[in-house]
Full PDB file with SEQRES, HELIX, SHEET, SSBOND, CRYST1, ORIGX, SCALE, CONECT and MASTER records, all heavy atoms in Angstrom:
SEQRES   1 A   42  ASP GLU PHE PHE PRO VAL SER HIS VAL ARG LEU TRP ALA          
SEQRES   2 A   42  LEU GLN LEU ILE LEU VAL THR CYS PRO SER LEU LEU VAL          
SEQRES   3 A   42  VAL MET HIS VAL ALA TYR ARG GLU ALA ARG GLU LYS LYS          
SEQRES   4 A   42  TYR ARG GLU                                                  
HELIX    1 AA1 HIS A    8  ARG A   41  1                                  34    
CRYST1    1.000    1.000    1.000  90.00  90.00  90.00 P 1           1          
ORIGX1      1.000000  0.000000  0.000000        0.00000                         
ORIGX2      0.000000  1.000000  0.000000        0.00000                         
ORIGX3      0.000000  0.000000  1.000000        0.00000                         
SCALE1      1.000000  0.000000  0.000000        0.00000                         
SCALE2      0.000000  1.000000  0.000000        0.00000                         
SCALE3      0.000000  0.000000  1.000000        0.00000                         
ATOM      1  N   ASP A   1     -15.047  75.990   5.619  1.00  0.00           N  
ATOM      2  CA  ASP A   1     -15.480  75.044   4.601  1.00  0.00           C  
ATOM      3  C   ASP A   1     -14.272  74.220   4.044  1.00  0.00           C  
ATOM      4  O   ASP A   1     -14.466  73.093   3.655  1.00  0.00           O  
ATOM      5  CB  ASP A   1     -16.208  75.774   3.493  1.00  0.00           C  
ATOM      6  CG  ASP A   1     -16.767  74.830   2.384  1.00  0.00           C  
ATOM      7  OD1 ASP A   1     -17.703  74.123   2.754  1.00  0.00           O  
ATOM      8  OD2 ASP A   1     -16.255  74.849   1.306  1.00  0.00           O  
ATOM      9  N   GLU A   2     -13.107  74.901   3.979  1.00  0.00           N  
ATOM     10  CA  GLU A   2     -11.966  74.157   3.411  1.00  0.00           C  
ATOM     11  C   GLU A   2     -11.464  73.115   4.396  1.00  0.00           C  
ATOM     12  O   GLU A   2     -11.109  71.996   3.970  1.00  0.00           O  
ATOM     13  CB  GLU A   2     -10.827  75.169   3.175  1.00  0.00           C  
ATOM     14  CG  GLU A   2      -9.569  74.503   2.571  1.00  0.00           C  
ATOM     15  CD  GLU A   2      -8.466  75.532   2.304  1.00  0.00           C  
ATOM     16  OE1 GLU A   2      -8.695  76.750   2.512  1.00  0.00           O  
ATOM     17  OE2 GLU A   2      -7.375  75.078   1.854  1.00  0.00           O  
ATOM     18  N   PHE A   3     -11.496  73.380   5.679  1.00  0.00           N  
ATOM     19  CA  PHE A   3     -10.968  72.409   6.607  1.00  0.00           C  
ATOM     20  C   PHE A   3     -12.061  71.394   7.076  1.00  0.00           C  
ATOM     21  O   PHE A   3     -11.721  70.274   7.418  1.00  0.00           O  
ATOM     22  CB  PHE A   3     -10.436  73.138   7.884  1.00  0.00           C  
ATOM     23  CG  PHE A   3      -9.666  72.236   8.769  1.00  0.00           C  
ATOM     24  CD1 PHE A   3      -8.430  71.786   8.461  1.00  0.00           C  
ATOM     25  CD2 PHE A   3     -10.239  71.836   9.980  1.00  0.00           C  
ATOM     26  CE1 PHE A   3      -7.708  70.931   9.292  1.00  0.00           C  
ATOM     27  CE2 PHE A   3      -9.557  71.028  10.859  1.00  0.00           C  
ATOM     28  CZ  PHE A   3      -8.286  70.537  10.508  1.00  0.00           C  
ATOM     29  N   PHE A   4     -13.344  71.853   7.115  1.00  0.00           N  
ATOM     30  CA  PHE A   4     -14.480  70.940   7.416  1.00  0.00           C  
ATOM     31  C   PHE A   4     -15.395  70.776   6.241  1.00  0.00           C  
ATOM     32  O   PHE A   4     -16.487  71.354   6.274  1.00  0.00           O  
ATOM     33  CB  PHE A   4     -15.247  71.514   8.695  1.00  0.00           C  
ATOM     34  CG  PHE A   4     -14.428  71.468   9.935  1.00  0.00           C  
ATOM     35  CD1 PHE A   4     -13.830  72.655  10.392  1.00  0.00           C  
ATOM     36  CD2 PHE A   4     -14.327  70.376  10.737  1.00  0.00           C  
ATOM     37  CE1 PHE A   4     -13.120  72.652  11.615  1.00  0.00           C  
ATOM     38  CE2 PHE A   4     -13.664  70.306  11.913  1.00  0.00           C  
ATOM     39  CZ  PHE A   4     -13.072  71.475  12.379  1.00  0.00           C  
ATOM     40  N   PRO A   5     -14.983  70.095   5.233  1.00  0.00           N  
ATOM     41  CA  PRO A   5     -15.881  69.873   4.043  1.00  0.00           C  
ATOM     42  C   PRO A   5     -17.208  69.184   4.451  1.00  0.00           C  
ATOM     43  O   PRO A   5     -18.255  69.485   3.931  1.00  0.00           O  
ATOM     44  CB  PRO A   5     -15.030  69.022   3.124  1.00  0.00           C  
ATOM     45  CG  PRO A   5     -13.990  68.407   3.966  1.00  0.00           C  
ATOM     46  CD  PRO A   5     -13.733  69.340   5.093  1.00  0.00           C  
ATOM     47  N   VAL A   6     -17.111  68.191   5.399  1.00  0.00           N  
ATOM     48  CA  VAL A   6     -18.265  67.534   5.933  1.00  0.00           C  
ATOM     49  C   VAL A   6     -18.149  67.501   7.411  1.00  0.00           C  
ATOM     50  O   VAL A   6     -17.078  67.131   7.927  1.00  0.00           O  
ATOM     51  CB  VAL A   6     -18.423  66.107   5.355  1.00  0.00           C  
ATOM     52  CG1 VAL A   6     -19.681  65.447   5.801  1.00  0.00           C  
ATOM     53  CG2 VAL A   6     -18.483  66.131   3.819  1.00  0.00           C  
ATOM     54  N   SER A   7     -19.170  67.760   8.083  1.00  0.00           N  
ATOM     55  CA  SER A   7     -19.176  67.788   9.553  1.00  0.00           C  
ATOM     56  C   SER A   7     -19.067  66.323  10.036  1.00  0.00           C  
ATOM     57  O   SER A   7     -19.600  65.425   9.493  1.00  0.00           O  
ATOM     58  CB  SER A   7     -20.410  68.447  10.141  1.00  0.00           C  
ATOM     59  OG  SER A   7     -20.450  68.317  11.496  1.00  0.00           O  
ATOM     60  N   HIS A   8     -18.324  66.185  11.212  1.00  0.00           N  
ATOM     61  CA  HIS A   8     -18.271  64.904  11.875  1.00  0.00           C  
ATOM     62  C   HIS A   8     -19.652  64.387  12.211  1.00  0.00           C  
ATOM     63  O   HIS A   8     -19.934  63.171  12.029  1.00  0.00           O  
ATOM     64  CB  HIS A   8     -17.446  65.000  13.135  1.00  0.00           C  
ATOM     65  CG  HIS A   8     -15.986  65.178  12.957  1.00  0.00           C  
ATOM     66  ND1 HIS A   8     -15.392  66.263  12.385  1.00  0.00           N  
ATOM     67  CD2 HIS A   8     -14.926  64.301  13.266  1.00  0.00           C  
ATOM     68  CE1 HIS A   8     -14.079  66.181  12.313  1.00  0.00           C  
ATOM     69  NE2 HIS A   8     -13.823  65.025  12.849  1.00  0.00           N  
ATOM     70  N   VAL A   9     -20.511  65.221  12.724  1.00  0.00           N  
ATOM     71  CA  VAL A   9     -21.814  64.746  13.167  1.00  0.00           C  
ATOM     72  C   VAL A   9     -22.639  64.284  12.033  1.00  0.00           C  
ATOM     73  O   VAL A   9     -23.318  63.196  12.150  1.00  0.00           O  
ATOM     74  CB  VAL A   9     -22.529  65.918  13.846  1.00  0.00           C  
ATOM     75  CG1 VAL A   9     -23.988  65.542  14.251  1.00  0.00           C  
ATOM     76  CG2 VAL A   9     -21.767  66.433  15.091  1.00  0.00           C  
ATOM     77  N   ARG A  10     -22.593  64.928  10.879  1.00  0.00           N  
ATOM     78  CA  ARG A  10     -23.392  64.414   9.746  1.00  0.00           C  
ATOM     79  C   ARG A  10     -22.844  63.112   9.153  1.00  0.00           C  
ATOM     80  O   ARG A  10     -23.613  62.307   8.766  1.00  0.00           O  
ATOM     81  CB  ARG A  10     -23.413  65.515   8.676  1.00  0.00           C  
ATOM     82  CG  ARG A  10     -24.281  66.725   9.147  1.00  0.00           C  
ATOM     83  CD  ARG A  10     -24.223  67.926   8.146  1.00  0.00           C  
ATOM     84  NE  ARG A  10     -25.011  68.992   8.571  1.00  0.00           N  
ATOM     85  CZ  ARG A  10     -24.692  69.925   9.456  1.00  0.00           C  
ATOM     86  NH1 ARG A  10     -23.484  69.863  10.028  1.00  0.00           N  
ATOM     87  NH2 ARG A  10     -25.505  70.905   9.817  1.00  0.00           N  
ATOM     88  N   LEU A  11     -21.495  63.025   9.137  1.00  0.00           N  
ATOM     89  CA  LEU A  11     -20.918  61.776   8.671  1.00  0.00           C  
ATOM     90  C   LEU A  11     -21.296  60.595   9.579  1.00  0.00           C  
ATOM     91  O   LEU A  11     -21.563  59.487   9.165  1.00  0.00           O  
ATOM     92  CB  LEU A  11     -19.419  61.908   8.591  1.00  0.00           C  
ATOM     93  CG  LEU A  11     -18.779  62.500   7.290  1.00  0.00           C  
ATOM     94  CD1 LEU A  11     -17.308  62.628   7.448  1.00  0.00           C  
ATOM     95  CD2 LEU A  11     -19.210  61.614   6.087  1.00  0.00           C  
ATOM     96  N   TRP A  12     -21.251  60.853  10.895  1.00  0.00           N  
ATOM     97  CA  TRP A  12     -21.603  59.756  11.869  1.00  0.00           C  
ATOM     98  C   TRP A  12     -23.102  59.376  11.699  1.00  0.00           C  
ATOM     99  O   TRP A  12     -23.439  58.214  11.807  1.00  0.00           O  
ATOM    100  CB  TRP A  12     -21.341  60.210  13.261  1.00  0.00           C  
ATOM    101  CG  TRP A  12     -19.904  60.127  13.631  1.00  0.00           C  
ATOM    102  CD1 TRP A  12     -18.930  59.309  13.139  1.00  0.00           C  
ATOM    103  CD2 TRP A  12     -19.184  60.979  14.519  1.00  0.00           C  
ATOM    104  NE1 TRP A  12     -17.707  59.504  13.692  1.00  0.00           N  
ATOM    105  CE2 TRP A  12     -17.835  60.561  14.586  1.00  0.00           C  
ATOM    106  CE3 TRP A  12     -19.555  62.050  15.337  1.00  0.00           C  
ATOM    107  CZ2 TRP A  12     -16.876  61.138  15.371  1.00  0.00           C  
ATOM    108  CZ3 TRP A  12     -18.559  62.644  16.168  1.00  0.00           C  
ATOM    109  CH2 TRP A  12     -17.202  62.195  16.166  1.00  0.00           C  
ATOM    110  N   ALA A  13     -23.971  60.411  11.513  1.00  0.00           N  
ATOM    111  CA  ALA A  13     -25.407  60.107  11.290  1.00  0.00           C  
ATOM    112  C   ALA A  13     -25.551  59.163  10.074  1.00  0.00           C  
ATOM    113  O   ALA A  13     -26.313  58.254  10.153  1.00  0.00           O  
ATOM    114  CB  ALA A  13     -26.142  61.395  11.154  1.00  0.00           C  
ATOM    115  N   LEU A  14     -24.987  59.577   8.961  1.00  0.00           N  
ATOM    116  CA  LEU A  14     -25.094  58.739   7.766  1.00  0.00           C  
ATOM    117  C   LEU A  14     -24.556  57.363   7.985  1.00  0.00           C  
ATOM    118  O   LEU A  14     -25.125  56.356   7.544  1.00  0.00           O  
ATOM    119  CB  LEU A  14     -24.378  59.432   6.560  1.00  0.00           C  
ATOM    120  CG  LEU A  14     -24.435  58.702   5.222  1.00  0.00           C  
ATOM    121  CD1 LEU A  14     -25.884  58.559   4.770  1.00  0.00           C  
ATOM    122  CD2 LEU A  14     -23.644  59.489   4.174  1.00  0.00           C  
ATOM    123  N   GLN A  15     -23.403  57.270   8.696  1.00  0.00           N  
ATOM    124  CA  GLN A  15     -22.765  55.944   8.961  1.00  0.00           C  
ATOM    125  C   GLN A  15     -23.758  55.100   9.810  1.00  0.00           C  
ATOM    126  O   GLN A  15     -23.833  53.918   9.489  1.00  0.00           O  
ATOM    127  CB  GLN A  15     -21.434  56.227   9.708  1.00  0.00           C  
ATOM    128  CG  GLN A  15     -20.698  54.897   9.970  1.00  0.00           C  
ATOM    129  CD  GLN A  15     -19.377  55.194  10.764  1.00  0.00           C  
ATOM    130  OE1 GLN A  15     -19.094  56.304  11.055  1.00  0.00           O  
ATOM    131  NE2 GLN A  15     -18.652  54.127  10.992  1.00  0.00           N  
ATOM    132  N   LEU A  16     -24.269  55.632  10.863  1.00  0.00           N  
ATOM    133  CA  LEU A  16     -25.144  54.860  11.720  1.00  0.00           C  
ATOM    134  C   LEU A  16     -26.396  54.426  11.009  1.00  0.00           C  
ATOM    135  O   LEU A  16     -26.907  53.296  11.221  1.00  0.00           O  
ATOM    136  CB  LEU A  16     -25.518  55.669  12.993  1.00  0.00           C  
ATOM    137  CG  LEU A  16     -24.336  55.955  13.918  1.00  0.00           C  
ATOM    138  CD1 LEU A  16     -24.788  56.833  15.055  1.00  0.00           C  
ATOM    139  CD2 LEU A  16     -23.810  54.642  14.552  1.00  0.00           C  
ATOM    140  N   ILE A  17     -26.953  55.250  10.174  1.00  0.00           N  
ATOM    141  CA  ILE A  17     -28.114  54.837   9.383  1.00  0.00           C  
ATOM    142  C   ILE A  17     -27.794  53.660   8.448  1.00  0.00           C  
ATOM    143  O   ILE A  17     -28.534  52.674   8.423  1.00  0.00           O  
ATOM    144  CB  ILE A  17     -28.691  56.051   8.542  1.00  0.00           C  
ATOM    145  CG1 ILE A  17     -29.263  57.087   9.528  1.00  0.00           C  
ATOM    146  CG2 ILE A  17     -29.720  55.639   7.584  1.00  0.00           C  
ATOM    147  CD1 ILE A  17     -29.639  58.375   8.829  1.00  0.00           C  
ATOM    148  N   LEU A  18     -26.699  53.768   7.704  1.00  0.00           N  
ATOM    149  CA  LEU A  18     -26.287  52.684   6.839  1.00  0.00           C  
ATOM    150  C   LEU A  18     -25.918  51.394   7.512  1.00  0.00           C  
ATOM    151  O   LEU A  18     -26.160  50.351   6.963  1.00  0.00           O  
ATOM    152  CB  LEU A  18     -25.160  53.153   5.915  1.00  0.00           C  
ATOM    153  CG  LEU A  18     -25.498  54.331   4.901  1.00  0.00           C  
ATOM    154  CD1 LEU A  18     -24.276  54.686   4.151  1.00  0.00           C  
ATOM    155  CD2 LEU A  18     -26.584  53.922   3.957  1.00  0.00           C  
ATOM    156  N   VAL A  19     -25.338  51.513   8.676  1.00  0.00           N  
ATOM    157  CA  VAL A  19     -24.975  50.312   9.443  1.00  0.00           C  
ATOM    158  C   VAL A  19     -26.101  49.584  10.044  1.00  0.00           C  
ATOM    159  O   VAL A  19     -26.136  48.350  10.060  1.00  0.00           O  
ATOM    160  CB  VAL A  19     -23.918  50.729  10.545  1.00  0.00           C  
ATOM    161  CG1 VAL A  19     -23.790  49.647  11.601  1.00  0.00           C  
ATOM    162  CG2 VAL A  19     -22.571  51.021   9.948  1.00  0.00           C  
ATOM    163  N   THR A  20     -27.121  50.364  10.509  1.00  0.00           N  
ATOM    164  CA  THR A  20     -28.255  49.678  11.157  1.00  0.00           C  
ATOM    165  C   THR A  20     -29.377  49.146  10.198  1.00  0.00           C  
ATOM    166  O   THR A  20     -30.106  48.244  10.541  1.00  0.00           O  
ATOM    167  CB  THR A  20     -28.931  50.593  12.122  1.00  0.00           C  
ATOM    168  OG1 THR A  20     -29.242  51.863  11.503  1.00  0.00           O  
ATOM    169  CG2 THR A  20     -27.911  50.898  13.269  1.00  0.00           C  
ATOM    170  N   CYS A  21     -29.370  49.689   8.954  1.00  0.00           N  
ATOM    171  CA  CYS A  21     -30.495  49.233   8.030  1.00  0.00           C  
ATOM    172  C   CYS A  21     -30.403  47.728   7.674  1.00  0.00           C  
ATOM    173  O   CYS A  21     -31.395  47.067   7.628  1.00  0.00           O  
ATOM    174  CB  CYS A  21     -30.350  50.083   6.757  1.00  0.00           C  
ATOM    175  SG  CYS A  21     -31.156  51.700   6.993  1.00  0.00           S  
ATOM    176  N   PRO A  22     -29.235  47.134   7.393  1.00  0.00           N  
ATOM    177  CA  PRO A  22     -29.166  45.699   7.059  1.00  0.00           C  
ATOM    178  C   PRO A  22     -29.789  44.811   8.139  1.00  0.00           C  
ATOM    179  O   PRO A  22     -30.405  43.763   7.788  1.00  0.00           O  
ATOM    180  CB  PRO A  22     -27.691  45.405   6.849  1.00  0.00           C  
ATOM    181  CG  PRO A  22     -27.114  46.727   6.482  1.00  0.00           C  
ATOM    182  CD  PRO A  22     -27.845  47.757   7.197  1.00  0.00           C  
ATOM    183  N   SER A  23     -29.598  45.165   9.446  1.00  0.00           N  
ATOM    184  CA  SER A  23     -30.207  44.348  10.461  1.00  0.00           C  
ATOM    185  C   SER A  23     -31.772  44.401  10.398  1.00  0.00           C  
ATOM    186  O   SER A  23     -32.430  43.376  10.625  1.00  0.00           O  
ATOM    187  CB  SER A  23     -29.760  44.841  11.824  1.00  0.00           C  
ATOM    188  OG  SER A  23     -28.325  44.709  11.965  1.00  0.00           O  
ATOM    189  N   LEU A  24     -32.322  45.547  10.003  1.00  0.00           N  
ATOM    190  CA  LEU A  24     -33.723  45.641   9.851  1.00  0.00           C  
ATOM    191  C   LEU A  24     -34.193  44.805   8.572  1.00  0.00           C  
ATOM    192  O   LEU A  24     -35.355  44.312   8.628  1.00  0.00           O  
ATOM    193  CB  LEU A  24     -34.168  47.099   9.701  1.00  0.00           C  
ATOM    194  CG  LEU A  24     -33.755  48.048  10.886  1.00  0.00           C  
ATOM    195  CD1 LEU A  24     -34.279  49.452  10.578  1.00  0.00           C  
ATOM    196  CD2 LEU A  24     -34.362  47.491  12.150  1.00  0.00           C  
ATOM    197  N   LEU A  25     -33.365  44.710   7.635  1.00  0.00           N  
ATOM    198  CA  LEU A  25     -33.758  43.909   6.472  1.00  0.00           C  
ATOM    199  C   LEU A  25     -33.862  42.423   6.832  1.00  0.00           C  
ATOM    200  O   LEU A  25     -34.685  41.692   6.338  1.00  0.00           O  
ATOM    201  CB  LEU A  25     -32.688  44.071   5.312  1.00  0.00           C  
ATOM    202  CG  LEU A  25     -32.674  45.419   4.673  1.00  0.00           C  
ATOM    203  CD1 LEU A  25     -31.511  45.468   3.572  1.00  0.00           C  
ATOM    204  CD2 LEU A  25     -33.986  45.771   3.958  1.00  0.00           C  
ATOM    205  N   VAL A  26     -33.011  41.976   7.781  1.00  0.00           N  
ATOM    206  CA  VAL A  26     -33.154  40.585   8.243  1.00  0.00           C  
ATOM    207  C   VAL A  26     -34.478  40.391   8.919  1.00  0.00           C  
ATOM    208  O   VAL A  26     -35.166  39.346   8.719  1.00  0.00           O  
ATOM    209  CB  VAL A  26     -31.916  40.274   9.200  1.00  0.00           C  
ATOM    210  CG1 VAL A  26     -32.187  38.927   9.818  1.00  0.00           C  
ATOM    211  CG2 VAL A  26     -30.648  40.329   8.433  1.00  0.00           C  
ATOM    212  N   VAL A  27     -34.888  41.331   9.745  1.00  0.00           N  
ATOM    213  CA  VAL A  27     -36.219  41.216  10.454  1.00  0.00           C  
ATOM    214  C   VAL A  27     -37.298  41.217   9.413  1.00  0.00           C  
ATOM    215  O   VAL A  27     -38.286  40.438   9.578  1.00  0.00           O  
ATOM    216  CB  VAL A  27     -36.295  42.337  11.459  1.00  0.00           C  
ATOM    217  CG1 VAL A  27     -37.692  42.393  12.122  1.00  0.00           C  
ATOM    218  CG2 VAL A  27     -35.282  42.313  12.501  1.00  0.00           C  
ATOM    219  N   MET A  28     -37.180  42.052   8.389  1.00  0.00           N  
ATOM    220  CA  MET A  28     -38.234  42.102   7.343  1.00  0.00           C  
ATOM    221  C   MET A  28     -38.293  40.738   6.607  1.00  0.00           C  
ATOM    222  O   MET A  28     -39.391  40.345   6.213  1.00  0.00           O  
ATOM    223  CB  MET A  28     -37.954  43.252   6.391  1.00  0.00           C  
ATOM    224  CG  MET A  28     -38.168  44.610   7.019  1.00  0.00           C  
ATOM    225  SD  MET A  28     -37.597  45.961   5.984  1.00  0.00           S  
ATOM    226  CE  MET A  28     -38.744  45.790   4.604  1.00  0.00           C  
ATOM    227  N   HIS A  29     -37.131  40.145   6.351  1.00  0.00           N  
ATOM    228  CA  HIS A  29     -37.145  38.883   5.628  1.00  0.00           C  
ATOM    229  C   HIS A  29     -37.807  37.822   6.500  1.00  0.00           C  
ATOM    230  O   HIS A  29     -38.537  36.946   6.016  1.00  0.00           O  
ATOM    231  CB  HIS A  29     -35.653  38.426   5.362  1.00  0.00           C  
ATOM    232  CG  HIS A  29     -35.566  37.342   4.384  1.00  0.00           C  
ATOM    233  ND1 HIS A  29     -34.413  37.031   3.713  1.00  0.00           N  
ATOM    234  CD2 HIS A  29     -36.520  36.449   3.905  1.00  0.00           C  
ATOM    235  CE1 HIS A  29     -34.609  36.040   2.852  1.00  0.00           C  
ATOM    236  NE2 HIS A  29     -35.839  35.649   3.007  1.00  0.00           N  
ATOM    237  N   VAL A  30     -37.552  37.751   7.787  1.00  0.00           N  
ATOM    238  CA  VAL A  30     -38.247  36.833   8.701  1.00  0.00           C  
ATOM    239  C   VAL A  30     -39.684  37.089   8.659  1.00  0.00           C  
ATOM    240  O   VAL A  30     -40.579  36.173   8.658  1.00  0.00           O  
ATOM    241  CB  VAL A  30     -37.653  36.933  10.139  1.00  0.00           C  
ATOM    242  CG1 VAL A  30     -38.448  36.009  11.078  1.00  0.00           C  
ATOM    243  CG2 VAL A  30     -36.144  36.495  10.059  1.00  0.00           C  
ATOM    244  N   ALA A  31     -40.146  38.367   8.743  1.00  0.00           N  
ATOM    245  CA  ALA A  31     -41.617  38.651   8.727  1.00  0.00           C  
ATOM    246  C   ALA A  31     -42.191  38.199   7.344  1.00  0.00           C  
ATOM    247  O   ALA A  31     -43.321  37.753   7.350  1.00  0.00           O  
ATOM    248  CB  ALA A  31     -41.793  40.127   8.899  1.00  0.00           C  
ATOM    249  N   TYR A  32     -41.488  38.333   6.267  1.00  0.00           N  
ATOM    250  CA  TYR A  32     -41.978  37.860   5.000  1.00  0.00           C  
ATOM    251  C   TYR A  32     -42.140  36.323   5.012  1.00  0.00           C  
ATOM    252  O   TYR A  32     -43.174  35.825   4.545  1.00  0.00           O  
ATOM    253  CB  TYR A  32     -40.990  38.265   3.873  1.00  0.00           C  
ATOM    254  CG  TYR A  32     -41.221  37.592   2.594  1.00  0.00           C  
ATOM    255  CD1 TYR A  32     -42.300  37.987   1.761  1.00  0.00           C  
ATOM    256  CD2 TYR A  32     -40.397  36.557   2.108  1.00  0.00           C  
ATOM    257  CE1 TYR A  32     -42.479  37.338   0.541  1.00  0.00           C  
ATOM    258  CE2 TYR A  32     -40.599  35.911   0.934  1.00  0.00           C  
ATOM    259  CZ  TYR A  32     -41.654  36.341   0.122  1.00  0.00           C  
ATOM    260  OH  TYR A  32     -41.870  35.746  -1.104  1.00  0.00           O  
ATOM    261  N   ARG A  33     -41.200  35.596   5.612  1.00  0.00           N  
ATOM    262  CA  ARG A  33     -41.302  34.190   5.752  1.00  0.00           C  
ATOM    263  C   ARG A  33     -42.534  33.798   6.615  1.00  0.00           C  
ATOM    264  O   ARG A  33     -43.298  32.858   6.259  1.00  0.00           O  
ATOM    265  CB  ARG A  33     -40.045  33.572   6.337  1.00  0.00           C  
ATOM    266  CG  ARG A  33     -38.950  33.396   5.404  1.00  0.00           C  
ATOM    267  CD  ARG A  33     -37.817  32.637   6.093  1.00  0.00           C  
ATOM    268  NE  ARG A  33     -36.866  32.044   5.158  1.00  0.00           N  
ATOM    269  CZ  ARG A  33     -35.980  31.189   5.494  1.00  0.00           C  
ATOM    270  NH1 ARG A  33     -35.900  30.724   6.754  1.00  0.00           N  
ATOM    271  NH2 ARG A  33     -35.159  30.595   4.573  1.00  0.00           N  
ATOM    272  N   GLU A  34     -42.705  34.471   7.638  1.00  0.00           N  
ATOM    273  CA  GLU A  34     -43.892  34.199   8.535  1.00  0.00           C  
ATOM    274  C   GLU A  34     -45.183  34.404   7.819  1.00  0.00           C  
ATOM    275  O   GLU A  34     -46.169  33.649   7.991  1.00  0.00           O  
ATOM    276  CB  GLU A  34     -43.792  35.006   9.839  1.00  0.00           C  
ATOM    277  CG  GLU A  34     -42.614  34.601  10.723  1.00  0.00           C  
ATOM    278  CD  GLU A  34     -42.454  35.462  11.959  1.00  0.00           C  
ATOM    279  OE1 GLU A  34     -43.073  36.562  11.932  1.00  0.00           O  
ATOM    280  OE2 GLU A  34     -41.659  35.123  12.843  1.00  0.00           O  
ATOM    281  N   ALA A  35     -45.252  35.485   7.064  1.00  0.00           N  
ATOM    282  CA  ALA A  35     -46.483  35.770   6.327  1.00  0.00           C  
ATOM    283  C   ALA A  35     -46.793  34.680   5.291  1.00  0.00           C  
ATOM    284  O   ALA A  35     -47.912  34.243   5.107  1.00  0.00           O  
ATOM    285  CB  ALA A  35     -46.413  37.109   5.614  1.00  0.00           C  
ATOM    286  N   ARG A  36     -45.726  34.233   4.559  1.00  0.00           N  
ATOM    287  CA  ARG A  36     -45.889  33.104   3.572  1.00  0.00           C  
ATOM    288  C   ARG A  36     -46.373  31.839   4.312  1.00  0.00           C  
ATOM    289  O   ARG A  36     -47.236  31.108   3.751  1.00  0.00           O  
ATOM    290  CB  ARG A  36     -44.628  32.914   2.839  1.00  0.00           C  
ATOM    291  CG  ARG A  36     -44.251  33.883   1.835  1.00  0.00           C  
ATOM    292  CD  ARG A  36     -43.131  33.394   0.887  1.00  0.00           C  
ATOM    293  NE  ARG A  36     -43.570  32.208   0.175  1.00  0.00           N  
ATOM    294  CZ  ARG A  36     -42.752  31.442  -0.578  1.00  0.00           C  
ATOM    295  NH1 ARG A  36     -41.422  31.736  -0.582  1.00  0.00           N  
ATOM    296  NH2 ARG A  36     -43.222  30.413  -1.166  1.00  0.00           N  
ATOM    297  N   GLU A  37     -45.714  31.558   5.436  1.00  0.00           N  
ATOM    298  CA  GLU A  37     -46.165  30.374   6.132  1.00  0.00           C  
ATOM    299  C   GLU A  37     -47.607  30.442   6.618  1.00  0.00           C  
ATOM    300  O   GLU A  37     -48.348  29.476   6.542  1.00  0.00           O  
ATOM    301  CB  GLU A  37     -45.250  30.131   7.344  1.00  0.00           C  
ATOM    302  CG  GLU A  37     -45.528  28.981   8.241  1.00  0.00           C  
ATOM    303  CD  GLU A  37     -45.325  27.673   7.574  1.00  0.00           C  
ATOM    304  OE1 GLU A  37     -44.588  27.619   6.644  1.00  0.00           O  
ATOM    305  OE2 GLU A  37     -45.942  26.702   8.010  1.00  0.00           O  
ATOM    306  N   LYS A  38     -47.996  31.574   7.029  1.00  0.00           N  
ATOM    307  CA  LYS A  38     -49.419  31.779   7.498  1.00  0.00           C  
ATOM    308  C   LYS A  38     -50.415  31.595   6.359  1.00  0.00           C  
ATOM    309  O   LYS A  38     -51.398  30.931   6.489  1.00  0.00           O  
ATOM    310  CB  LYS A  38     -49.570  33.145   8.095  1.00  0.00           C  
ATOM    311  CG  LYS A  38     -50.945  33.441   8.650  1.00  0.00           C  
ATOM    312  CD  LYS A  38     -51.001  34.795   9.330  1.00  0.00           C  
ATOM    313  CE  LYS A  38     -52.411  35.058   9.852  1.00  0.00           C  
ATOM    314  NZ  LYS A  38     -52.515  36.444  10.484  1.00  0.00           N  
ATOM    315  N   LYS A  39     -50.101  32.165   5.184  1.00  0.00           N  
ATOM    316  CA  LYS A  39     -50.954  31.957   4.014  1.00  0.00           C  
ATOM    317  C   LYS A  39     -50.996  30.517   3.566  1.00  0.00           C  
ATOM    318  O   LYS A  39     -52.058  29.985   3.173  1.00  0.00           O  
ATOM    319  CB  LYS A  39     -50.505  32.878   2.906  1.00  0.00           C  
ATOM    320  CG  LYS A  39     -50.685  34.386   3.141  1.00  0.00           C  
ATOM    321  CD  LYS A  39     -50.269  35.208   1.942  1.00  0.00           C  
ATOM    322  CE  LYS A  39     -50.494  36.689   2.161  1.00  0.00           C  
ATOM    323  NZ  LYS A  39     -50.029  37.470   1.051  1.00  0.00           N  
ATOM    324  N   TYR A  40     -49.879  29.884   3.606  1.00  0.00           N  
ATOM    325  CA  TYR A  40     -49.838  28.472   3.183  1.00  0.00           C  
ATOM    326  C   TYR A  40     -50.628  27.615   4.105  1.00  0.00           C  
ATOM    327  O   TYR A  40     -51.417  26.677   3.687  1.00  0.00           O  
ATOM    328  CB  TYR A  40     -48.362  28.008   3.185  1.00  0.00           C  
ATOM    329  CG  TYR A  40     -48.204  26.575   2.774  1.00  0.00           C  
ATOM    330  CD1 TYR A  40     -48.239  26.194   1.383  1.00  0.00           C  
ATOM    331  CD2 TYR A  40     -47.975  25.594   3.667  1.00  0.00           C  
ATOM    332  CE1 TYR A  40     -48.055  24.865   1.020  1.00  0.00           C  
ATOM    333  CE2 TYR A  40     -47.781  24.218   3.354  1.00  0.00           C  
ATOM    334  CZ  TYR A  40     -47.844  23.915   2.002  1.00  0.00           C  
ATOM    335  OH  TYR A  40     -47.701  22.612   1.651  1.00  0.00           O  
ATOM    336  N   ARG A  41     -50.593  27.830   5.420  1.00  0.00           N  
ATOM    337  CA  ARG A  41     -51.334  27.101   6.367  1.00  0.00           C  
ATOM    338  C   ARG A  41     -52.892  27.344   6.204  1.00  0.00           C  
ATOM    339  O   ARG A  41     -53.700  26.447   6.396  1.00  0.00           O  
ATOM    340  CB  ARG A  41     -50.959  27.437   7.810  1.00  0.00           C  
ATOM    341  CG  ARG A  41     -49.479  27.082   8.134  1.00  0.00           C  
ATOM    342  CD  ARG A  41     -49.296  25.614   8.231  1.00  0.00           C  
ATOM    343  NE  ARG A  41     -49.996  25.025   9.353  1.00  0.00           N  
ATOM    344  CZ  ARG A  41     -49.524  24.959  10.534  1.00  0.00           C  
ATOM    345  NH1 ARG A  41     -48.312  25.524  10.805  1.00  0.00           N  
ATOM    346  NH2 ARG A  41     -50.243  24.429  11.516  1.00  0.00           N  
ATOM    347  N   GLU A  42     -53.232  28.560   5.797  1.00  0.00           N  
ATOM    348  CA  GLU A  42     -54.648  28.850   5.558  1.00  0.00           C  
ATOM    349  C   GLU A  42     -55.164  28.130   4.311  1.00  0.00           C  
ATOM    350  O   GLU A  42     -56.328  27.758   4.289  1.00  0.00           O  
ATOM    351  CB  GLU A  42     -54.830  30.345   5.326  1.00  0.00           C  
ATOM    352  CG  GLU A  42     -54.626  31.160   6.643  1.00  0.00           C  
ATOM    353  CD  GLU A  42     -54.689  32.657   6.431  1.00  0.00           C  
ATOM    354  OE1 GLU A  42     -54.824  33.067   5.209  1.00  0.00           O  
ATOM    355  OE2 GLU A  42     -54.680  33.451   7.414  1.00  0.00           O  
TER     356      GLU A  42                                                      
MASTER        0    0    0    1    0    0    0    6  355    1    0    4          
END                                                                             
């Protein structure tokens, strides 16, 4: 516990989750725009 306070594997898992989430937010923003455009055309 003194030498490995946090495991490499768990740190990498948290890092990959935080790194990939912003790209999904861009997709969600585009989907929000498309939904607004669809309602406006209706």
